[in-house]
Protein backbone atom coordinates (compact mmCIF):
# COMPACT_ATOMS: atom_id res chain seq x y z
CA MET A 1 54.22 23.19 55.05
CA ILE A 2 53.29 19.98 56.36
CA ILE A 3 49.46 20.85 55.99
CA ASP A 4 50.07 22.12 52.58
CA ILE A 5 51.58 18.98 51.70
CA TYR A 6 48.42 17.09 53.29
CA LEU A 7 45.83 19.55 51.38
CA SER A 8 47.97 19.18 48.40
CA GLU A 9 47.86 15.06 48.51
CA THR A 10 44.18 15.35 49.61
CA VAL A 11 43.12 17.63 46.73
CA ASP A 12 45.36 15.44 44.40
CA SER A 13 43.72 12.32 45.72
CA TRP A 14 40.47 13.73 45.34
CA LEU A 15 40.99 14.91 41.94
CA ASP A 16 42.66 11.80 41.05
CA THR A 17 39.60 9.88 42.36
CA LEU A 18 37.14 12.08 40.52
CA SER A 19 39.35 11.56 37.45
CA LYS A 20 39.26 7.79 37.70
CA TRP A 21 35.42 7.81 38.29
CA ALA A 22 34.63 10.11 35.38
CA THR A 23 36.80 7.97 33.01
CA ILE A 24 34.65 4.74 34.24
CA GLY A 25 31.70 6.79 33.45
CA ILE A 26 32.53 7.58 30.34
CA ALA A 27 33.57 4.07 29.62
CA LEU A 28 30.38 2.71 30.58
CA LEU A 29 28.48 5.52 28.53
CA ASN A 30 30.38 4.40 25.81
CA LEU A 31 29.68 0.82 26.32
CA ALA A 32 26.01 1.88 26.23
CA PHE A 33 25.85 3.69 23.06
CA ILE A 34 27.95 0.84 21.61
CA VAL A 35 25.13 -1.62 22.52
CA TYR A 36 22.63 0.52 21.46
CA VAL A 37 24.09 1.29 18.21
CA PHE A 38 24.59 -2.35 17.66
CA PHE A 39 20.99 -3.21 18.46
CA SER A 40 19.33 -0.58 16.58
CA SER A 41 21.27 -1.33 13.21
CA LEU A 42 20.62 -5.12 13.91
CA ARG A 43 16.80 -4.15 14.13
CA LYS A 44 17.11 -1.57 11.09
CA THR A 45 18.61 -4.77 9.02
CA LYS A 46 16.06 -6.68 9.94
CA LEU A 47 13.13 -4.35 8.76
CA GLU A 48 14.94 -3.68 5.75
CA LYS A 49 15.39 -7.24 4.85
CA GLU A 50 11.62 -7.93 5.55
CA LYS A 51 10.75 -5.01 3.39
CA ALA A 52 13.18 -6.47 0.69
CA ARG A 53 11.14 -9.73 0.82
CA LYS A 54 7.74 -8.43 0.88
CA ILE A 55 8.71 -6.28 -2.16
CA ASN A 56 10.32 -9.39 -3.91
CA PHE A 57 7.07 -11.42 -2.86
CA PHE A 58 4.74 -8.44 -4.29
CA LYS A 59 6.78 -8.24 -7.51
CA THR A 60 6.85 -12.26 -8.21
CA LEU A 61 3.06 -13.07 -6.76
CA ILE A 62 1.36 -9.75 -7.94
CA LEU A 63 3.16 -8.10 -10.63
CA ASP A 64 4.32 -11.17 -12.34
CA TYR A 65 1.58 -13.64 -12.52
CA ASN A 66 -1.40 -11.91 -11.38
CA LEU A 67 -1.86 -8.21 -13.06
CA VAL A 68 -2.67 -10.09 -16.01
CA HIS A 69 -6.19 -11.15 -14.48
CA PHE A 70 -6.41 -7.54 -13.44
CA TYR A 71 -6.07 -6.70 -17.27
CA ASP A 72 -8.02 -9.13 -18.33
CA LYS A 73 -11.39 -8.58 -16.27
CA ILE A 74 -11.10 -4.69 -16.69
CA GLU A 75 -10.94 -5.37 -20.22
CA ALA A 76 -14.06 -7.90 -20.33
CA ILE A 77 -15.86 -5.04 -18.27
CA GLU A 78 -15.06 -2.52 -20.97
CA GLU A 79 -16.13 -5.27 -23.74
CA LEU A 80 -19.35 -6.19 -22.03
CA VAL A 81 -20.30 -2.12 -21.43
CA TYR A 82 -19.56 -1.70 -25.21
CA SER A 83 -21.16 -4.45 -26.51
CA ASN A 84 -24.39 -2.95 -24.94
CA ARG A 85 -24.12 0.37 -26.55
CA GLN A 86 -27.65 0.52 -28.04
CA ASN A 87 -30.06 3.15 -28.58
CA CYS A 88 -33.00 1.30 -26.96
CA ILE A 89 -32.12 -0.65 -23.46
CA THR A 90 -34.67 -2.05 -21.75
CA THR A 91 -34.78 -1.79 -17.78
CA GLN A 92 -34.27 -5.66 -17.45
CA GLU A 93 -31.17 -5.34 -19.91
CA ARG A 94 -29.94 -2.60 -17.84
CA HIS A 95 -30.48 -4.90 -14.88
CA ASP A 96 -28.94 -8.01 -16.47
CA LEU A 97 -25.80 -5.97 -17.50
CA ILE A 98 -25.28 -4.69 -13.58
CA GLU A 99 -25.42 -8.60 -12.76
CA LYS A 100 -22.93 -9.16 -15.26
CA LEU A 101 -20.99 -6.67 -14.37
CA GLU A 102 -21.12 -7.54 -10.86
CA ASP A 103 -19.98 -10.98 -11.78
CA LEU A 104 -17.05 -9.82 -13.22
CA LEU A 105 -15.95 -7.77 -10.46
CA VAL A 106 -16.41 -10.81 -8.20
CA LEU A 107 -13.80 -12.75 -10.57
CA LEU A 108 -11.34 -9.73 -10.01
CA ARG A 109 -11.80 -9.82 -6.84
CA ARG A 110 -11.00 -13.86 -6.58
CA ARG A 111 -8.25 -13.74 -9.09
CA PHE A 112 -6.25 -10.69 -8.42
CA THR A 113 -7.61 -8.65 -5.54
CA ASP A 114 -7.74 -11.24 -3.00
CA THR A 115 -3.94 -11.76 -3.60
CA LEU A 116 -3.25 -8.37 -2.23
CA LEU A 117 -3.99 -9.76 1.17
CA SER A 118 -0.94 -11.66 1.38
CA VAL A 119 1.09 -8.87 0.82
CA ASP A 120 -0.51 -5.94 2.65
CA ASN A 121 -3.97 -5.28 4.13
CA LYS A 122 -3.68 -1.45 3.38
CA LEU A 123 -3.16 -2.22 -0.06
CA TYR A 124 -5.64 -4.64 -0.45
CA ASN A 125 -8.19 -2.27 1.15
CA GLU A 126 -7.70 0.44 -1.38
CA VAL A 127 -7.68 -1.53 -4.11
CA LEU A 128 -10.73 -3.26 -3.14
CA ASP A 129 -12.46 0.20 -2.75
CA ARG A 130 -11.40 1.33 -6.34
CA SER A 131 -13.29 -2.09 -7.39
CA ASP A 132 -16.20 -1.14 -5.38
CA GLU A 133 -16.66 2.35 -6.56
CA ILE A 134 -16.19 1.18 -10.20
CA LEU A 135 -19.32 -1.28 -9.94
CA ALA A 136 -21.16 1.67 -7.78
CA GLU A 137 -20.78 4.18 -10.20
CA LEU A 138 -21.57 2.31 -13.42
CA SER A 139 -24.74 0.71 -11.56
CA VAL A 140 -25.96 4.26 -11.11
CA ALA A 141 -25.60 5.09 -14.38
CA ILE A 142 -26.82 2.12 -16.19
CA SER A 143 -29.57 1.86 -13.71
CA ASP A 144 -30.35 5.67 -14.49
CA VAL A 145 -33.11 5.53 -17.57
CA THR A 146 -32.27 8.80 -18.63
CA VAL A 147 -28.70 8.18 -19.35
CA SER A 148 -28.78 7.04 -22.99
CA LEU A 149 -25.80 4.52 -23.46
CA SER A 150 -25.49 5.26 -27.52
CA ASN A 151 -25.15 8.98 -27.01
CA GLY A 152 -20.86 8.87 -27.42
CA ALA A 153 -20.50 11.67 -24.88
CA GLU A 154 -22.69 10.55 -22.27
CA PHE A 155 -21.58 7.10 -22.59
CA GLU A 156 -17.61 8.12 -22.38
CA SER A 157 -18.59 10.52 -19.23
CA LYS A 158 -20.71 7.97 -17.20
CA ILE A 159 -19.62 4.89 -18.05
CA ILE A 160 -15.93 4.84 -19.70
CA ALA A 161 -14.42 7.24 -17.51
CA PRO A 162 -15.02 6.08 -14.08
CA ILE A 163 -13.68 2.79 -15.27
CA THR A 164 -10.49 4.37 -16.82
CA SER A 165 -10.48 6.73 -13.61
CA LYS A 166 -10.64 3.64 -11.21
CA LYS A 167 -8.12 1.37 -12.98
CA THR A 168 -5.85 4.27 -12.98
CA ASP A 169 -6.23 4.64 -9.15
CA ILE A 170 -5.48 0.93 -8.76
CA LEU A 171 -2.36 1.18 -10.84
CA LYS A 172 -1.05 3.92 -9.07
CA ALA A 173 -1.98 2.25 -5.59
CA LEU A 174 0.17 -0.87 -6.90
CA PHE A 175 3.21 1.47 -7.97
CA ASN A 176 3.25 3.51 -4.75
CA TYR A 177 3.52 0.42 -2.82
CA LYS A 178 7.01 0.48 -1.05
CA GLY A 179 6.53 -2.73 1.25
């Protein structure tokens, strides 16, 4: 009987100690979890604020103030190619037309595309690539003497379609920007 009491106290004491340590362990895990949740939510809040700041900056700087330069330069490019839509255009005139297009695209880069660097490098590179593609496709089409700029269907497919396509790609890139 004394042994039973002793064993009972030892077992109770051992179970009681285990219970206390388990409670302390659970409390520490709870504390660690609370600290983790606090810091992760703090980090998430900072990221969301940064994203909102970037979107507002993008809207203000690019969409409100500089998008007009994009449309102006694209319109100037279209006017330039339409004004050179003639039956007989010499090689020198084709070369001059390409140089004028290069100048317009440099202005587009300076007044619109370069401002994207302040917002996002990836977006800047994507818009810059589409602008370069406009020049590349138009240069090839204009310098090709077999392409008749006065032929409506050929002019549309070789000159106007690339401009429209790249303009749409640039606008899609701007629209899809998420910060």
